[in-house]
Protein backbone atom coordinates (compact mmCIF):
# COMPACT_ATOMS: atom_id res chain seq x y z
CA MET A 1 0.00 0.00 0.00
CA ARG A 2 1.20 3.51 -0.84
CA ILE A 3 0.12 6.27 1.55
CA LEU A 4 0.50 10.05 1.27
CA ILE A 5 0.41 11.99 4.55
CA VAL A 6 -0.33 15.72 4.37
CA GLY A 7 1.32 17.76 7.13
CA SER A 8 4.60 18.59 8.82
CA GLY A 9 4.19 18.33 12.60
CA GLY A 10 4.75 15.90 15.42
CA ARG A 11 1.35 14.32 14.80
CA GLU A 12 2.29 13.62 11.18
CA HIS A 13 5.69 12.21 12.19
CA ALA A 14 3.98 9.82 14.62
CA LEU A 15 1.51 8.78 11.92
CA ALA A 16 4.32 8.30 9.39
CA TRP A 17 6.35 6.27 11.88
CA LYS A 18 3.40 3.96 12.51
CA LEU A 19 2.19 3.65 8.94
CA ALA A 20 5.72 3.03 7.60
CA GLN A 21 5.63 -0.28 9.48
CA GLU A 22 2.78 -1.37 7.21
CA ALA A 23 3.09 0.59 3.96
CA GLU A 24 5.20 2.75 1.63
CA VAL A 25 4.80 6.27 3.02
CA HIS A 26 5.11 9.65 1.32
CA ALA A 27 4.56 13.03 2.98
CA SER A 28 4.03 16.64 1.97
CA PRO A 29 5.70 18.75 3.05
CA GLY A 30 6.98 16.52 5.87
CA ASN A 31 9.88 17.43 8.13
CA PRO A 32 13.41 16.12 8.78
CA GLY A 33 12.12 13.44 11.14
CA ILE A 34 9.44 12.27 8.75
CA ALA A 35 12.10 12.09 6.03
CA GLU A 36 13.73 9.25 7.97
CA CYS A 37 10.71 6.98 7.45
CA ALA A 38 8.99 8.45 4.38
CA GLN A 39 9.72 10.19 1.10
CA CYS A 40 8.96 13.90 1.47
CA HIS A 41 7.64 16.08 -1.35
CA LEU A 42 7.77 19.86 -1.21
CA ALA A 43 4.52 21.37 -2.44
CA SER A 44 2.61 24.51 -1.68
CA PRO A 45 -0.25 24.04 0.80
CA SER A 46 -2.79 25.12 -1.80
CA ILE A 47 -5.59 22.69 -2.56
CA PRO A 48 -4.81 22.55 -6.32
CA ASP A 49 -1.11 21.83 -5.72
CA LEU A 50 -1.74 19.14 -3.09
CA THR A 51 -4.35 17.56 -5.34
CA ALA A 52 -1.92 17.59 -8.26
CA LEU A 53 0.75 15.93 -6.10
CA ALA A 54 -1.67 13.22 -5.04
CA LYS A 55 -2.72 12.58 -8.64
CA ASN A 56 0.93 12.30 -9.64
CA LEU A 57 1.82 9.88 -6.81
CA SER A 58 -1.35 7.77 -7.26
CA PRO A 59 -1.46 6.67 -3.61
CA ASP A 60 -3.84 4.03 -2.35
CA LEU A 61 -4.67 6.37 0.52
CA VAL A 62 -4.20 10.01 1.52
CA VAL A 63 -4.18 10.83 5.24
CA VAL A 64 -4.72 14.53 5.97
CA GLY A 65 -3.09 15.46 9.28
CA PRO A 66 -3.85 19.10 10.17
CA GLU A 67 -7.23 20.80 10.28
CA ALA A 68 -6.42 23.72 7.95
CA PRO A 69 -6.42 21.77 4.66
CA LEU A 70 -9.57 19.93 5.74
CA ILE A 71 -11.35 23.21 6.46
CA ALA A 72 -10.13 24.49 3.08
CA GLY A 73 -11.65 21.48 1.28
CA LEU A 74 -8.71 19.22 0.47
CA ALA A 75 -10.66 16.03 1.15
CA ASP A 76 -13.45 17.22 -1.15
CA SER A 77 -10.96 17.91 -3.94
CA LEU A 78 -9.22 14.55 -3.57
CA ARG A 79 -12.49 12.62 -3.57
CA THR A 80 -13.57 14.48 -6.70
CA HIS A 81 -10.57 12.81 -8.34
CA GLU A 82 -11.49 9.43 -6.79
CA ILE A 83 -8.47 9.39 -4.48
CA PRO A 84 -9.31 7.50 -1.25
CA THR A 85 -8.93 10.02 1.56
CA PHE A 86 -8.93 9.70 5.34
CA GLY A 87 -10.16 13.14 6.33
CA VAL A 88 -13.49 14.88 6.69
CA ASP A 89 -14.96 17.12 3.99
CA ALA A 90 -15.14 20.90 4.34
CA ALA A 91 -18.71 20.83 5.63
CA GLY A 92 -17.80 18.44 8.44
CA ALA A 93 -14.57 20.31 9.15
CA GLN A 94 -16.64 23.26 10.36
CA LEU A 95 -16.92 21.23 13.54
CA GLU A 96 -13.42 22.55 14.27
CA GLY A 97 -13.39 25.55 11.96
CA SER A 98 -16.26 27.20 13.83
CA LYS A 99 -16.77 26.75 17.56
CA ALA A 100 -20.12 28.47 17.13
CA PHE A 101 -21.18 25.75 14.67
CA SER A 102 -19.79 23.05 16.95
CA LYS A 103 -21.64 24.29 20.04
CA GLU A 104 -24.90 24.61 18.11
CA LEU A 105 -24.51 21.05 16.84
CA MET A 106 -23.83 19.81 20.38
CA ARG A 107 -26.98 21.55 21.58
CA ALA A 108 -29.11 20.14 18.76
CA ALA A 109 -27.72 16.61 19.25
CA GLY A 110 -28.12 16.66 23.02
CA VAL A 111 -24.40 16.30 23.71
CA PRO A 112 -23.60 17.33 27.31
CA THR A 113 -21.58 20.54 27.22
CA ALA A 114 -21.22 23.79 29.13
CA ARG A 115 -23.76 26.62 28.83
CA TYR A 116 -22.61 29.29 26.39
CA LEU A 117 -23.32 32.43 24.40
CA THR A 118 -22.16 33.08 20.84
CA VAL A 119 -21.45 36.77 20.32
CA SER A 120 -19.73 39.13 17.88
CA ASP A 121 -20.51 42.48 19.55
CA ALA A 122 -17.97 43.61 22.17
CA ASP A 123 -20.50 45.47 24.32
CA GLU A 124 -22.83 42.47 24.41
CA ALA A 125 -19.91 40.20 25.31
CA ARG A 126 -18.76 42.49 28.13
CA GLU A 127 -22.27 42.68 29.60
CA PHE A 128 -22.62 38.88 29.53
CA ALA A 129 -19.23 38.53 31.22
CA ARG A 130 -20.07 41.05 33.95
CA GLN A 131 -23.36 39.31 34.69
CA SER A 132 -21.71 35.88 34.75
CA TYR A 133 -19.03 36.85 37.26
CA LEU A 134 -21.59 38.75 39.35
CA GLU A 135 -23.49 35.45 39.63
CA GLY A 136 -20.30 33.57 40.54
CA ARG A 137 -19.78 31.85 37.18
CA GLN A 138 -16.33 31.97 35.58
CA LEU A 139 -15.98 31.90 31.79
CA ALA A 140 -13.86 30.33 29.11
CA VAL A 141 -13.50 32.82 26.26
CA LYS A 142 -13.08 31.01 22.94
CA VAL A 143 -12.53 32.47 19.50
CA SER A 144 -14.89 30.73 17.11
CA GLY A 145 -12.39 30.19 14.29
CA PRO A 146 -9.25 28.03 14.19
CA ALA A 147 -6.36 29.44 16.25
CA LEU A 148 -3.78 26.61 16.47
CA GLY A 149 -4.85 25.67 19.99
CA LYS A 150 -4.25 29.19 21.32
CA GLY A 151 -7.73 30.66 20.98
CA VAL A 152 -9.11 29.57 24.36
CA ALA A 153 -8.63 31.50 27.60
CA VAL A 154 -9.95 30.11 30.88
CA CYS A 155 -10.58 33.28 32.86
CA ASP A 156 -10.19 33.26 36.63
CA SER A 157 -11.43 36.85 36.90
CA LEU A 158 -13.77 39.30 35.20
CA GLU A 159 -10.77 41.49 34.33
CA MET A 160 -9.16 38.62 32.45
CA ALA A 161 -12.39 37.84 30.59
CA LEU A 162 -12.82 41.48 29.54
CA GLU A 163 -9.22 41.59 28.33
CA GLU A 164 -9.71 38.47 26.21
CA ILE A 165 -12.92 39.90 24.75
CA ASP A 166 -11.07 43.09 23.81
CA ARG A 167 -8.16 41.15 22.29
CA ALA A 168 -10.51 39.43 19.88
CA LEU A 169 -13.38 41.82 19.20
CA VAL A 170 -11.70 45.22 19.64
CA ARG A 171 -8.01 44.82 18.80
CA GLY A 172 -8.51 41.99 16.32
CA GLU A 173 -5.50 40.00 17.53
CA PHE A 174 -6.95 36.72 16.21
CA GLY A 175 -7.95 38.13 12.83
CA GLU A 176 -10.94 36.58 11.12
CA ALA A 177 -10.93 33.64 13.56
CA GLY A 178 -11.76 35.99 16.43
CA ARG A 179 -14.57 38.02 14.89
CA LYS A 180 -17.03 35.79 16.74
CA LEU A 181 -16.62 34.47 20.29
CA VAL A 182 -18.09 31.62 22.27
CA LEU A 183 -18.40 32.65 25.93
CA GLU A 184 -18.70 29.40 27.82
CA GLU A 185 -19.40 28.70 31.47
CA ARG A 186 -16.26 27.25 33.01
CA LEU A 187 -16.51 23.63 34.11
CA PHE A 188 -14.41 22.10 36.86
CA GLY A 189 -13.22 18.50 36.70
CA ARG A 190 -10.60 16.20 35.17
CA GLU A 191 -9.87 16.17 31.45
CA PHE A 192 -9.11 13.42 28.97
CA SER A 193 -9.08 13.01 25.19
CA LEU A 194 -10.87 10.42 23.08
CA MET A 195 -9.93 9.90 19.43
CA CYS A 196 -12.07 7.84 17.06
CA LEU A 197 -11.93 6.53 13.52
CA CYS A 198 -15.30 7.42 11.99
CA SER A 199 -17.13 6.30 8.87
CA GLY A 200 -20.59 7.84 8.72
CA GLU A 201 -22.31 6.94 11.99
CA ARG A 202 -19.94 4.02 12.67
CA PHE A 203 -16.80 4.48 14.72
CA VAL A 204 -14.12 2.76 16.76
CA SER A 205 -12.24 4.39 19.61
CA LEU A 206 -8.47 4.52 19.94
CA PRO A 207 -6.71 4.30 23.32
CA LEU A 208 -7.42 7.25 25.59
CA ALA A 209 -4.86 9.98 26.19
CA GLN A 210 -4.58 12.99 28.45
CA ASP A 211 -2.78 16.15 27.36
CA TYR A 212 -1.39 19.25 29.05
CA LYS A 213 -2.49 22.46 27.37
CA ARG A 214 -1.11 25.08 29.77
CA ALA A 215 2.45 26.23 29.21
CA TRP A 216 3.90 25.96 32.68
CA GLU A 217 4.28 23.53 35.54
CA GLY A 218 1.17 22.95 37.61
CA ASP A 219 -1.14 23.81 34.70
CA ALA A 220 -0.31 27.49 34.96
CA GLY A 221 0.26 30.04 32.21
CA PRO A 222 -1.28 30.51 28.77
CA ASN A 223 -2.81 27.80 26.60
CA THR A 224 -0.60 26.12 24.02
CA GLY A 225 -1.05 23.54 21.31
CA GLY A 226 -0.10 20.98 23.98
CA MET A 227 3.02 20.53 26.12
CA GLY A 228 2.78 16.79 26.64
CA SER A 229 0.48 13.81 26.98
CA TYR A 230 0.24 10.28 28.24
CA SER A 231 -1.64 7.06 27.52
CA PRO A 232 -3.34 5.04 28.99
CA VAL A 233 -5.52 7.21 31.23
CA GLU A 234 -5.90 4.85 34.14
CA TRP A 235 -8.46 6.87 36.10
CA VAL A 236 -11.01 6.55 33.26
CA ASP A 237 -12.74 3.16 33.44
CA ASP A 238 -14.50 1.25 30.66
CA GLY A 239 -17.91 2.36 31.89
CA LEU A 240 -16.99 6.02 31.48
CA VAL A 241 -15.57 5.35 28.02
CA HIS A 242 -18.79 3.64 26.92
CA GLU A 243 -20.86 6.48 28.39
CA THR A 244 -18.74 8.99 26.47
CA GLU A 245 -19.17 7.07 23.23
CA ARG A 246 -22.93 6.88 23.80
CA ARG A 247 -23.50 10.50 24.79
CA VAL A 248 -20.72 12.45 23.03
CA ILE A 249 -19.64 10.56 19.90
CA ALA A 250 -22.68 8.67 18.60
CA PRO A 251 -25.21 11.55 18.76
CA LEU A 252 -22.77 13.91 17.09
CA LEU A 253 -22.24 11.58 14.12
CA THR A 254 -26.00 11.11 13.83
CA GLY A 255 -26.47 14.88 13.92
CA LEU A 256 -23.91 15.33 11.16
CA ARG A 257 -25.55 12.64 9.04
CA ASN A 258 -28.91 14.38 9.51
CA ARG A 259 -27.28 17.48 8.00
CA GLY A 260 -26.06 15.51 5.01
CA ILE A 261 -22.46 15.16 6.22
CA ASP A 262 -20.84 11.74 5.73
CA TYR A 263 -18.04 11.97 8.29
CA ARG A 264 -15.00 9.98 7.16
CA GLY A 265 -11.89 10.64 9.20
CA ALA A 266 -10.61 11.18 12.71
CA LEU A 267 -12.77 12.70 15.42
CA PHE A 268 -11.16 14.08 18.57
CA ALA A 269 -13.27 14.87 21.62
CA GLY A 270 -11.79 17.00 24.39
CA LEU A 271 -13.68 15.99 27.51
CA MET A 272 -14.09 16.94 31.15
CA VAL A 273 -15.53 14.64 33.78
CA VAL A 274 -17.81 16.61 36.11
CA GLU A 275 -19.28 14.69 39.05
CA GLY A 276 -18.74 11.43 37.18
CA GLU A 277 -20.37 12.59 33.93
CA PRO A 278 -18.56 13.33 30.63
CA PHE A 279 -18.96 16.83 29.19
CA CYS A 280 -17.65 17.80 25.76
CA LEU A 281 -15.31 20.80 25.76
CA GLU A 282 -14.50 20.68 22.05
CA TYR A 283 -14.39 18.56 18.94
CA ASN A 284 -11.46 18.47 16.53
CA VAL A 285 -11.61 16.91 13.09
CA ARG A 286 -8.12 15.40 13.18
CA PHE A 287 -5.92 13.38 15.50
CA GLY A 288 -4.77 15.27 18.58
CA ASP A 289 -1.26 16.62 18.87
CA PRO A 290 0.63 15.63 21.04
CA GLU A 291 -1.84 12.83 21.94
CA THR A 292 -1.09 11.00 18.69
CA GLN A 293 2.56 10.77 19.73
CA SER A 294 1.48 8.90 22.88
CA VAL A 295 -1.09 6.67 21.17
CA MET A 296 0.62 5.46 17.97
CA PRO A 297 3.26 3.33 19.75
CA ARG A 298 0.46 1.55 21.62
CA LEU A 299 -1.33 0.36 18.48
CA GLY A 300 -0.88 -3.10 17.01
CA ASP A 301 -1.03 -4.09 13.35
CA GLY A 302 -3.79 -3.11 10.96
CA PHE A 303 -3.83 0.66 11.39
CA ALA A 304 -3.24 1.35 7.69
CA ASP A 305 -5.98 -1.06 6.63
CA SER A 306 -8.43 0.52 9.07
CA LEU A 307 -7.73 4.03 7.74
CA LEU A 308 -8.16 2.80 4.17
CA GLY A 309 -11.46 1.17 5.06
CA VAL A 310 -12.75 4.46 6.47
CA ALA A 311 -11.60 6.30 3.34
CA LEU A 312 -13.61 3.84 1.24
CA GLY A 313 -16.72 4.27 3.39
CA ARG A 314 -16.48 0.91 5.13
CA PRO A 315 -16.99 0.37 8.88
CA PRO A 316 -13.75 1.11 10.75
CA GLN A 317 -12.00 -1.97 12.07
CA PRO A 318 -10.87 -2.23 15.70
CA ILE A 319 -7.10 -2.13 16.20
CA ALA A 320 -5.31 -4.22 18.80
CA VAL A 321 -3.71 -2.27 21.64
CA ARG A 322 -0.31 -3.19 23.01
CA ASP A 323 0.22 -3.57 26.74
CA LEU A 324 2.42 -0.50 26.85
CA ALA A 325 2.41 2.92 28.51
CA CYS A 326 3.60 6.07 26.72
CA VAL A 327 4.43 9.56 27.95
CA THR A 328 5.25 12.42 25.56
CA VAL A 329 7.19 15.52 26.65
CA ILE A 330 7.28 18.46 24.24
CA VAL A 331 10.59 20.30 23.93
CA ALA A 332 9.73 23.90 23.05
CA SER A 333 11.45 27.06 21.87
CA ARG A 334 12.13 29.90 24.27
CA GLY A 335 9.16 32.27 24.26
CA TYR A 336 6.56 29.70 23.21
CA PRO A 337 3.56 30.11 22.99
CA GLY A 338 4.54 33.71 22.21
CA ALA A 339 7.24 35.01 19.88
CA ILE A 340 10.12 32.62 19.20
CA GLU A 341 13.42 32.62 17.35
CA LYS A 342 13.81 30.18 14.47
CA GLY A 343 16.89 28.74 12.84
CA LEU A 344 18.72 27.72 16.03
CA PRO A 345 20.96 24.65 15.61
CA ILE A 346 19.66 21.46 17.26
CA GLU A 347 21.94 18.84 18.76
CA VAL A 348 20.51 15.45 19.75
CA GLY A 349 22.41 13.11 22.02
CA PRO A 350 21.97 9.34 22.19
CA VAL A 351 18.38 8.22 22.77
CA ALA A 352 17.74 4.81 24.33
CA ASP A 353 15.56 2.11 22.80
CA ASP A 354 12.76 2.90 25.26
CA ALA A 355 12.06 6.29 23.67
CA LEU A 356 11.15 7.90 20.35
CA LEU A 357 11.74 11.44 19.12
CA PHE A 358 9.03 12.93 16.93
CA HIS A 359 9.94 16.09 15.00
CA ALA A 360 7.47 18.98 15.01
CA GLY A 361 9.03 22.41 14.45
CA THR A 362 12.29 21.43 12.76
CA ALA A 363 13.97 22.12 9.43
CA VAL A 364 17.31 21.51 7.73
CA SER A 365 19.74 24.38 7.13
CA GLU A 366 23.24 23.88 5.77
CA GLY A 367 23.03 20.17 6.46
CA ARG A 368 21.95 20.34 10.09
CA TRP A 369 18.70 20.37 12.02
CA VAL A 370 17.44 23.77 13.16
CA THR A 371 14.39 25.01 15.02
CA ALA A 372 11.43 26.03 12.87
CA GLY A 373 8.55 26.35 15.31
CA GLY A 374 7.40 26.73 18.89
CA ARG A 375 7.02 23.04 19.62
CA VAL A 376 10.26 21.60 18.31
CA MET A 377 10.25 17.89 19.21
CA GLY A 378 8.22 15.41 21.18
CA ALA A 379 10.09 12.89 23.32
CA THR A 380 7.90 9.81 23.80
CA GLY A 381 8.96 7.36 26.46
CA LEU A 382 7.80 3.74 26.41
CA GLY A 383 7.45 1.46 29.39
CA PRO A 384 5.44 -1.24 31.15
CA ASP A 385 3.74 1.46 33.22
CA LEU A 386 3.44 5.24 33.29
CA PRO A 387 6.26 5.90 35.80
CA ALA A 388 8.72 3.94 33.64
CA ALA A 389 7.49 5.64 30.46
CA ARG A 390 7.74 9.04 32.14
CA SER A 391 11.36 8.42 33.13
CA ALA A 392 12.21 7.32 29.60
CA ALA A 393 10.53 10.40 28.11
CA TYR A 394 12.47 12.83 30.28
CA ARG A 395 15.77 11.07 29.61
CA ALA A 396 15.11 11.50 25.89
CA ALA A 397 13.92 15.11 26.22
CA GLU A 398 17.18 16.01 27.93
CA GLN A 399 19.05 14.82 24.84
CA VAL A 400 17.40 17.51 22.67
CA ARG A 401 19.56 20.61 22.94
CA PHE A 402 19.29 24.05 21.37
CA GLU A 403 19.51 27.57 22.73
CA GLY A 404 16.47 28.28 24.91
CA ALA A 405 15.10 24.72 24.87
CA TRP A 406 12.63 24.01 27.67
CA PHE A 407 9.89 21.59 28.68
CA ARG A 408 7.39 21.16 31.46
CA PRO A 409 8.79 19.05 34.31
CA ASP A 410 5.47 17.54 35.41
CA ILE A 411 4.11 15.65 32.40
CA GLY A 412 2.63 12.32 33.47
CA ASN A 413 3.29 13.08 37.13
């Protein structure tokens, strides 16, 4: 089987690493790590150019990694040319492209989620915030459009909520993505992530993961794309998983089908358990990052065949899960999630057999690896249990060296 992966991050490296065990893998644009297990092809991210590349390569399957090309309609274009594609169409991708659309779909489908208001007027947003905090309810302020995981602010105070409203609706710091906000009542509980392979209303769940979105130790600081993750999530039992599938995944897919959307791809649900009940915080239309880096090493054989089946509209096939624990620690650039410096040389020391390094924000300059993004590499440790995997992950993370490199010290703790 020949597979083309679209994307260049740590998620795509983890997918390429896994799929290369079962197939011939190509990637566009890829990254230096992906190039070690796949053939990379430089192409512009435009839909016509990616479609032309796929037509030229004639893959048996295209796997679209990031949300942006899905929102832009890449899967639609590829299917028009009868290229089997694992990735949702543009209509379904609005589930991530518009939080306003997503929340409305949750409401219509009866998915348990926090109370919210969708708003595009700054004065209306401020008044809602003032009333909420007066009544003792904190808010999460979310830009409706895609913001690379940085468009959500959980606001401990009214002052913080008003500042986030002004950032989006007055100063326009999020551009078009922030012209509409979802003001959501803050929930309190424990979070986990569930990823599924979906074909219409049929789906199978992958192993659970838990990620760390805040930048700093102790879940402090601003939101990021994710500073680490681990799998399995031992505090979530099978009963809670089944309840989540029944109340959060199944009704959503039915709701999409009722709107004429045949969902074929990955579905990510960000969840919070409140008093024993699962609430949906968000849906994403692609595999989570860094969660994918913690889940791929745990999967047995048959992943490529299952993705192909979904692309062809068949029921997704369950995938065996290895008795293995994984912890992923993200090594980030100084300043992340704010302004960073790119082009810094990367040195990597010896990494033991109980760890994997997945490239995210890296490039090659003058024959050596250099930094090219905020999240530079993911160090995934493997072990018989989470403590062993955590130790392996941190040993590997310490081998990734560049000026200003840092990582959270409490992933999987």
